[in-house]
């Protein structure tokens, strides 16, 4: 019996290209799988995420601020586009990022088409952790395949939250620098309060609307920073949210200090005769909180509140706080927002 001889033939260029492409695809798949890692987020969920996320979607305003502070190069967009007056305080590379809206909270505006079009490899949220947010995260991941991380955004947890988010984003050294700042800021508050007896601490009304009649009740997240610096929030209500009150009620509460986030109210309240019955107005203790590039009190309740702590200490306890507020504001901006404001910008921020 005669054996068949194998026939050798040259490999075609097409076959070489196909083989090379297959090898590349397999290599990329292997690298992608190798670079994925598992983390346990604040809810106890085990989530598989990219080793180094490069396109990150922030689910809400607090997450957007923290993401900017830690890794602005990974942002796929803003929840709310910065105002023109905010631009000088933000990295130029982030100015033209699109406004994508929010997944979480009241007024959620992002649909799945917008989310998918942004092509994120990770979604992060920073704030309240409860079954509602867990359910949302699970549903979004089921529908899109995009991993979704939840970070506890309670004020006391700020240093730990910064470190947790930094680990997720693959920037631990930057996270440690910001977390250390947060720890020092909170420790400074405690040191000042140790010198001020409770009976000597200010009674504060936090005015939010142009008329000054909207305010957060005691225990509200919107007033958390004021209460963290030892001030007594005079607004007592059955809710822990925002309330609408009356001037008569404010007169009855008799706050010795008013903090406001509304420029219009701050500009006109001193000239209104009806408000002169409020001790804070009569004594010229109405302070407008700075708000660029993010609010210093609660808009949003994220790491921007850390400089709010410093500002409040200087306003409420000037005899117990050392240091130059302007220098401290400049350093915070340099560290967190990575833009160092000049003298004119500091004047605009601090109302000088």
Protein backbone atom coordinates (compact mmCIF):
# COMPACT_ATOMS: atom_id res chain seq x y z
CA UNK A 1 0.00 0.00 0.00
CA UNK A 2 1.34 3.37 -0.95
CA UNK A 3 1.28 6.07 1.74
CA UNK A 4 -0.10 9.46 1.05
CA UNK A 5 2.53 12.10 1.36
CA UNK A 6 1.74 15.34 3.19
CA UNK A 7 1.78 18.32 0.97
CA UNK A 8 3.64 21.37 2.30
CA UNK A 9 2.44 24.75 1.07
CA UNK A 10 3.31 28.30 2.01
CA UNK A 11 1.09 30.08 4.54
CA UNK A 12 -0.85 32.90 2.96
CA UNK A 13 -0.69 36.52 4.17
CA UNK A 14 -4.39 36.36 5.05
CA UNK A 15 -3.81 33.38 7.33
CA UNK A 16 -0.91 35.14 9.02
CA UNK A 17 -3.05 38.22 9.68
CA UNK A 18 -5.95 36.16 11.05
CA UNK A 19 -3.62 34.23 13.33
CA UNK A 20 -2.02 37.41 14.58
CA UNK A 21 -5.40 39.03 15.27
CA UNK A 22 -6.60 35.97 17.16
CA UNK A 23 -3.46 36.01 19.25
CA UNK A 24 -3.94 39.69 20.04
CA UNK A 25 -7.60 39.20 21.02
CA UNK A 26 -6.71 36.28 23.27
CA UNK A 27 -3.88 38.25 24.85
CA UNK A 28 -6.09 41.27 25.48
CA UNK A 29 -8.79 39.08 27.00
CA UNK A 30 -6.22 37.47 29.27
CA UNK A 31 -4.80 40.84 30.32
CA UNK A 32 -8.28 42.26 30.92
CA UNK A 33 -9.22 39.29 33.07
CA UNK A 34 -5.93 39.46 34.94
CA UNK A 35 -6.39 43.17 35.63
CA UNK A 36 -9.87 42.79 37.06
CA UNK A 37 -10.15 42.62 40.82
CA UNK A 38 -12.80 42.15 43.45
CA UNK A 39 -13.59 44.64 46.19
CA UNK A 40 -16.19 44.74 48.94
CA UNK A 41 -18.00 48.08 49.00
CA UNK A 42 -19.76 49.86 51.88
CA UNK A 43 -22.85 47.68 51.49
CA UNK A 44 -20.95 44.40 51.81
CA UNK A 45 -21.44 43.65 48.10
CA UNK A 46 -18.51 41.96 46.33
CA UNK A 47 -18.00 43.77 43.03
CA UNK A 48 -15.56 42.95 40.23
CA UNK A 49 -13.99 46.13 38.90
CA UNK A 50 -11.18 47.04 36.50
CA UNK A 51 -7.80 47.13 38.19
CA UNK A 52 -7.29 50.70 37.02
CA UNK A 53 -10.59 52.31 35.92
CA UNK A 54 -10.13 54.84 33.14
CA UNK A 55 -13.72 55.98 32.46
CA UNK A 56 -15.75 56.56 35.62
CA UNK A 57 -19.35 57.73 35.91
CA UNK A 58 -20.35 59.51 39.14
CA UNK A 59 -23.91 58.60 40.15
CA UNK A 60 -24.60 61.86 42.01
CA UNK A 61 -23.12 65.25 42.95
CA UNK A 62 -21.23 64.10 46.10
CA UNK A 63 -19.57 61.30 44.10
CA UNK A 64 -18.73 63.72 41.30
CA UNK A 65 -16.86 66.03 43.69
CA UNK A 66 -14.92 63.17 45.28
CA UNK A 67 -14.09 61.70 41.87
CA UNK A 68 -12.79 65.07 40.70
CA UNK A 69 -10.66 65.43 43.84
CA UNK A 70 -9.07 61.99 43.47
CA UNK A 71 -8.87 61.25 39.74
CA UNK A 72 -10.24 63.99 37.47
CA UNK A 73 -8.63 62.35 34.44
CA UNK A 74 -11.10 59.45 34.73
CA UNK A 75 -14.28 61.56 34.66
CA UNK A 76 -16.60 60.94 31.71
CA UNK A 77 -18.70 64.00 32.58
CA UNK A 78 -20.23 66.19 35.25
CA UNK A 79 -23.48 65.55 37.07
CA UNK A 80 -24.04 69.31 36.79
CA UNK A 81 -21.83 71.38 34.54
CA UNK A 82 -19.77 73.96 36.44
CA UNK A 83 -20.88 77.57 36.28
CA UNK A 84 -18.70 80.09 34.49
CA UNK A 85 -17.68 81.52 37.87
CA UNK A 86 -16.47 78.06 38.95
CA UNK A 87 -14.09 77.56 36.03
CA UNK A 88 -11.07 79.42 37.48
CA UNK A 89 -11.07 76.99 40.41
CA UNK A 90 -11.13 73.81 38.31
CA UNK A 91 -8.60 72.08 36.07
CA UNK A 92 -8.96 73.28 32.46
CA UNK A 93 -9.11 69.65 31.30
CA UNK A 94 -12.49 69.29 33.05
CA UNK A 95 -14.15 72.49 31.83
CA UNK A 96 -15.67 71.03 28.69
CA UNK A 97 -16.78 67.66 30.04
CA UNK A 98 -20.47 67.08 29.23
CA UNK A 99 -23.27 67.43 31.75
CA UNK A 100 -24.69 63.92 32.10
CA UNK A 101 -27.14 64.29 34.98
CA UNK A 102 -27.56 62.08 38.01
CA UNK A 103 -28.59 58.50 38.64
CA UNK A 104 -29.41 58.94 42.32
CA UNK A 105 -31.57 61.12 44.55
CA UNK A 106 -34.46 63.38 43.67
CA UNK A 107 -34.39 64.59 40.10
CA UNK A 108 -32.52 61.61 38.69
CA UNK A 109 -32.14 62.40 34.99
CA UNK A 110 -29.87 59.74 33.50
CA UNK A 111 -31.42 57.02 31.36
CA UNK A 112 -29.59 53.89 30.32
CA UNK A 113 -28.97 55.20 26.78
CA UNK A 114 -27.07 58.21 28.13
CA UNK A 115 -25.18 56.02 30.57
CA UNK A 116 -24.12 53.51 27.93
CA UNK A 117 -23.20 56.25 25.46
CA UNK A 118 -20.70 57.61 28.00
CA UNK A 119 -18.94 54.19 27.89
CA UNK A 120 -17.90 54.07 31.56
CA UNK A 121 -16.03 51.05 32.89
CA UNK A 122 -17.16 51.85 36.45
CA UNK A 123 -19.98 53.68 38.26
CA UNK A 124 -19.33 55.15 41.72
CA UNK A 125 -21.68 56.65 44.29
CA UNK A 126 -20.75 58.44 47.51
CA UNK A 127 -23.42 59.19 50.07
CA UNK A 128 -26.29 57.46 51.81
CA UNK A 129 -26.08 53.68 51.92
CA UNK A 130 -29.47 52.01 52.29
CA UNK A 131 -31.60 49.34 50.54
CA UNK A 132 -32.89 51.85 47.96
CA UNK A 133 -29.40 52.68 46.73
CA UNK A 134 -28.31 49.05 46.87
CA UNK A 135 -31.28 48.05 44.72
CA UNK A 136 -30.50 50.79 42.21
CA UNK A 137 -26.87 49.71 41.96
CA UNK A 138 -27.82 46.07 41.42
CA UNK A 139 -30.43 46.91 38.79
CA UNK A 140 -28.10 49.20 36.83
CA UNK A 141 -25.36 46.59 36.78
CA UNK A 142 -27.81 43.86 35.71
CA UNK A 143 -29.07 46.03 32.85
CA UNK A 144 -25.74 47.42 31.64
CA UNK A 145 -23.02 45.07 32.86
CA UNK A 146 -21.16 48.05 34.37
CA UNK A 147 -19.82 47.52 37.92
CA UNK A 148 -21.33 49.92 40.47
CA UNK A 149 -19.62 50.80 43.77
CA UNK A 150 -21.25 52.41 46.83
CA UNK A 151 -19.12 54.40 49.32
CA UNK A 152 -20.46 55.52 52.70
CA UNK A 153 -20.67 59.32 52.57
CA UNK A 154 -21.44 60.08 56.22
CA UNK A 155 -19.43 63.07 57.43
CA UNK A 156 -17.64 61.17 60.21
CA UNK A 157 -16.59 58.56 57.66
CA UNK A 158 -14.94 61.08 55.32
CA UNK A 159 -11.28 60.00 55.80
CA UNK A 160 -12.16 56.31 55.42
CA UNK A 161 -14.37 57.07 52.43
CA UNK A 162 -11.57 58.95 50.67
CA UNK A 163 -9.23 56.00 51.17
CA UNK A 164 -11.90 53.54 49.97
CA UNK A 165 -12.60 55.51 46.80
CA UNK A 166 -8.87 55.96 46.17
CA UNK A 167 -8.41 52.19 46.37
CA UNK A 168 -11.22 51.67 43.87
CA UNK A 169 -9.71 54.23 41.49
CA UNK A 170 -6.17 52.93 41.87
CA UNK A 171 -4.74 56.15 43.34
CA UNK A 172 -3.86 55.18 46.94
CA UNK A 173 -1.09 57.76 47.42
CA UNK A 174 -3.35 60.65 46.46
CA UNK A 175 -6.09 59.17 48.59
CA UNK A 176 -3.80 59.05 51.60
CA UNK A 177 -2.85 62.71 51.17
CA UNK A 178 -6.50 63.83 51.05
CA UNK A 179 -7.59 61.48 53.84
CA UNK A 180 -4.81 62.75 56.11
CA UNK A 181 -5.99 66.31 55.48
CA UNK A 182 -9.53 65.28 56.41
CA UNK A 183 -8.36 63.67 59.64
CA UNK A 184 -6.41 66.78 60.59
CA UNK A 185 -9.37 69.04 59.80
CA UNK A 186 -11.71 67.02 62.01
CA UNK A 187 -9.13 66.81 64.79
CA UNK A 188 -8.70 70.58 64.66
CA UNK A 189 -12.44 71.04 65.17
CA UNK A 190 -12.33 68.78 68.21
CA UNK A 191 -9.36 70.68 69.64
CA UNK A 192 -11.18 74.01 69.32
CA UNK A 193 -14.39 72.65 70.82
CA UNK A 194 -12.43 71.33 73.78
CA UNK A 195 -11.66 74.97 74.63
CA UNK A 196 -15.21 76.29 74.22
CA UNK A 197 -17.84 75.31 76.81
CA UNK A 198 -21.17 74.24 75.33
CA UNK A 199 -22.96 77.21 76.87
CA UNK A 200 -20.63 79.58 74.97
CA UNK A 201 -21.17 78.05 71.56
CA UNK A 202 -23.16 79.97 68.94
CA UNK A 203 -26.84 79.43 68.19
CA UNK A 204 -27.04 79.33 64.41
CA UNK A 205 -29.80 79.69 61.86
CA UNK A 206 -28.82 78.34 58.42
CA UNK A 207 -30.74 80.35 55.80
CA UNK A 208 -30.99 78.80 52.35
CA UNK A 209 -33.54 80.74 50.27
CA UNK A 210 -33.61 84.35 48.95
CA UNK A 211 -36.20 85.18 51.61
CA UNK A 212 -34.20 83.38 54.30
CA UNK A 213 -37.19 81.29 55.37
CA UNK A 214 -36.01 77.85 54.22
CA UNK A 215 -33.64 76.08 56.59
CA UNK A 216 -32.49 72.57 57.52
CA UNK A 217 -33.91 71.16 60.74
CA UNK A 218 -31.71 69.89 63.53
CA UNK A 219 -30.15 66.56 62.52
CA UNK A 220 -30.49 67.23 58.79
CA UNK A 221 -27.61 66.35 56.47
CA UNK A 222 -27.82 69.93 55.18
CA UNK A 223 -26.95 71.23 58.66
CA UNK A 224 -24.48 68.49 59.51
CA UNK A 225 -21.41 70.66 59.10
CA UNK A 226 -22.81 73.42 61.35
CA UNK A 227 -23.55 70.93 64.09
CA UNK A 228 -20.14 69.25 63.60
CA UNK A 229 -18.41 72.50 64.59
CA UNK A 230 -20.37 72.54 67.86
CA UNK A 231 -22.94 75.18 66.93
CA UNK A 232 -26.54 74.79 68.10
CA UNK A 233 -28.90 74.57 65.14
CA UNK A 234 -31.91 76.56 66.36
CA UNK A 235 -34.36 74.97 63.90
CA UNK A 236 -36.36 72.37 65.75
CA UNK A 237 -38.84 70.36 63.69
CA UNK A 238 -40.40 66.93 63.48
CA UNK A 239 -38.46 66.23 60.29
CA UNK A 240 -34.72 66.04 59.71
CA UNK A 241 -34.98 67.63 56.31
CA UNK A 242 -35.55 71.14 55.01
CA UNK A 243 -38.39 73.19 56.47
CA UNK A 244 -40.10 76.43 55.57
CA UNK A 245 -40.50 78.67 58.57
CA UNK A 246 -41.56 82.25 59.34
CA UNK A 247 -39.79 85.37 60.51
CA UNK A 248 -41.81 85.27 63.73
CA UNK A 249 -40.48 81.80 64.45
CA UNK A 250 -36.91 82.87 63.70
CA UNK A 251 -37.29 85.81 66.08
CA UNK A 252 -38.50 83.35 68.70
CA UNK A 253 -35.47 81.11 68.18
CA UNK A 254 -33.23 84.20 68.56
CA UNK A 255 -30.12 82.95 66.75
CA UNK A 256 -26.99 84.94 67.49
CA UNK A 257 -25.47 83.93 64.13
CA UNK A 258 -26.92 83.39 60.66
CA UNK A 259 -25.06 81.39 58.02
CA UNK A 260 -26.53 81.69 54.54
CA UNK A 261 -25.77 80.17 51.17
CA UNK A 262 -27.88 82.75 49.29
CA UNK A 263 -26.14 85.89 48.04
CA UNK A 264 -29.38 87.83 47.64
CA UNK A 265 -30.47 87.20 51.20
CA UNK A 266 -27.03 88.09 52.58
CA UNK A 267 -27.03 91.36 50.64
CA UNK A 268 -30.44 92.63 51.71
CA UNK A 269 -31.25 91.19 55.14
CA UNK A 270 -29.31 93.86 57.05
CA UNK A 271 -31.43 96.63 55.56
CA UNK A 272 -34.80 95.04 56.31
CA UNK A 273 -36.33 96.48 59.46
CA UNK A 274 -38.36 93.36 60.26
CA UNK A 275 -35.19 91.28 60.54
CA UNK A 276 -33.59 93.69 63.03
CA UNK A 277 -35.42 91.84 65.80
CA UNK A 278 -33.19 88.83 65.13
CA UNK A 279 -30.04 89.14 67.30
CA UNK A 280 -27.76 87.87 64.51
CA UNK A 281 -28.94 90.63 62.16
CA UNK A 282 -28.93 93.35 64.77
CA UNK A 283 -25.34 92.49 65.70
CA UNK A 284 -24.06 92.12 62.14
CA UNK A 285 -23.40 88.38 62.41
CA UNK A 286 -24.74 87.24 59.03
CA UNK A 287 -22.11 85.28 57.10
CA UNK A 288 -22.37 84.27 53.45
CA UNK A 289 -20.75 80.87 52.88
CA UNK A 290 -18.48 80.65 49.82
CA UNK A 291 -19.70 78.41 47.02
CA UNK A 292 -17.01 78.00 44.36
CA UNK A 293 -16.31 75.66 42.78
CA UNK A 294 -18.61 73.75 45.16
CA UNK A 295 -20.59 74.89 48.20
CA UNK A 296 -18.75 74.98 51.51
CA UNK A 297 -21.79 74.01 53.58
CA UNK A 298 -23.72 71.28 51.78
CA UNK A 299 -24.00 71.78 48.04
CA UNK A 300 -23.19 68.98 47.63
CA UNK A 301 -22.43 67.18 50.92
CA UNK A 302 -19.03 65.87 49.87
CA UNK A 303 -15.36 66.57 50.60
CA UNK A 304 -15.94 70.24 49.76
CA UNK A 305 -17.32 70.52 53.31
CA UNK A 306 -13.82 70.10 54.71
CA UNK A 307 -12.86 73.65 53.82
CA UNK A 308 -16.26 74.67 55.15
CA UNK A 309 -15.17 73.37 58.55
CA UNK A 310 -12.13 75.63 58.48
CA UNK A 311 -14.18 78.64 57.39
CA UNK A 312 -16.76 78.06 60.12
CA UNK A 313 -14.10 77.74 62.81
CA UNK A 314 -12.69 81.14 61.83
CA UNK A 315 -16.15 82.72 61.72
CA UNK A 316 -17.60 81.17 64.88
CA UNK A 317 -14.54 80.89 67.15
CA UNK A 318 -12.07 83.59 66.01
CA UNK A 319 -10.46 83.81 69.46
CA UNK A 320 -9.69 80.10 69.51
CA UNK A 321 -8.36 79.53 65.99
CA UNK A 322 -4.82 80.22 64.88
CA UNK A 323 -3.66 80.50 61.30
CA UNK A 324 -4.38 82.59 58.22
CA UNK A 325 -7.73 81.68 56.64
CA UNK A 326 -6.65 82.88 53.20
CA UNK A 327 -3.54 80.69 53.27
CA UNK A 328 -5.59 77.72 54.45
CA UNK A 329 -8.13 78.19 51.67
CA UNK A 330 -5.35 78.45 49.09
CA UNK A 331 -3.75 75.24 50.35
CA UNK A 332 -7.04 73.34 50.33
CA UNK A 333 -7.72 74.38 46.73
CA UNK A 334 -4.21 73.42 45.68
CA UNK A 335 -4.51 70.00 47.29
CA UNK A 336 -8.11 69.02 46.50
CA UNK A 337 -8.97 70.92 43.31
CA UNK A 338 -5.37 71.06 41.99
CA UNK A 339 -5.69 74.74 41.13
CA UNK A 340 -4.14 77.39 43.37
CA UNK A 341 -6.27 80.56 43.47
CA UNK A 342 -4.55 83.91 43.21
CA UNK A 343 -5.21 86.90 45.46
CA UNK A 344 -8.11 88.19 43.36
CA UNK A 345 -9.77 84.77 43.31
CA UNK A 346 -9.40 84.50 47.09
CA UNK A 347 -11.02 87.94 47.45
CA UNK A 348 -14.00 86.75 45.42
CA UNK A 349 -14.29 83.54 47.42
CA UNK A 350 -14.09 85.16 50.84
CA UNK A 351 -16.02 88.31 50.02
CA UNK A 352 -13.10 90.65 50.65
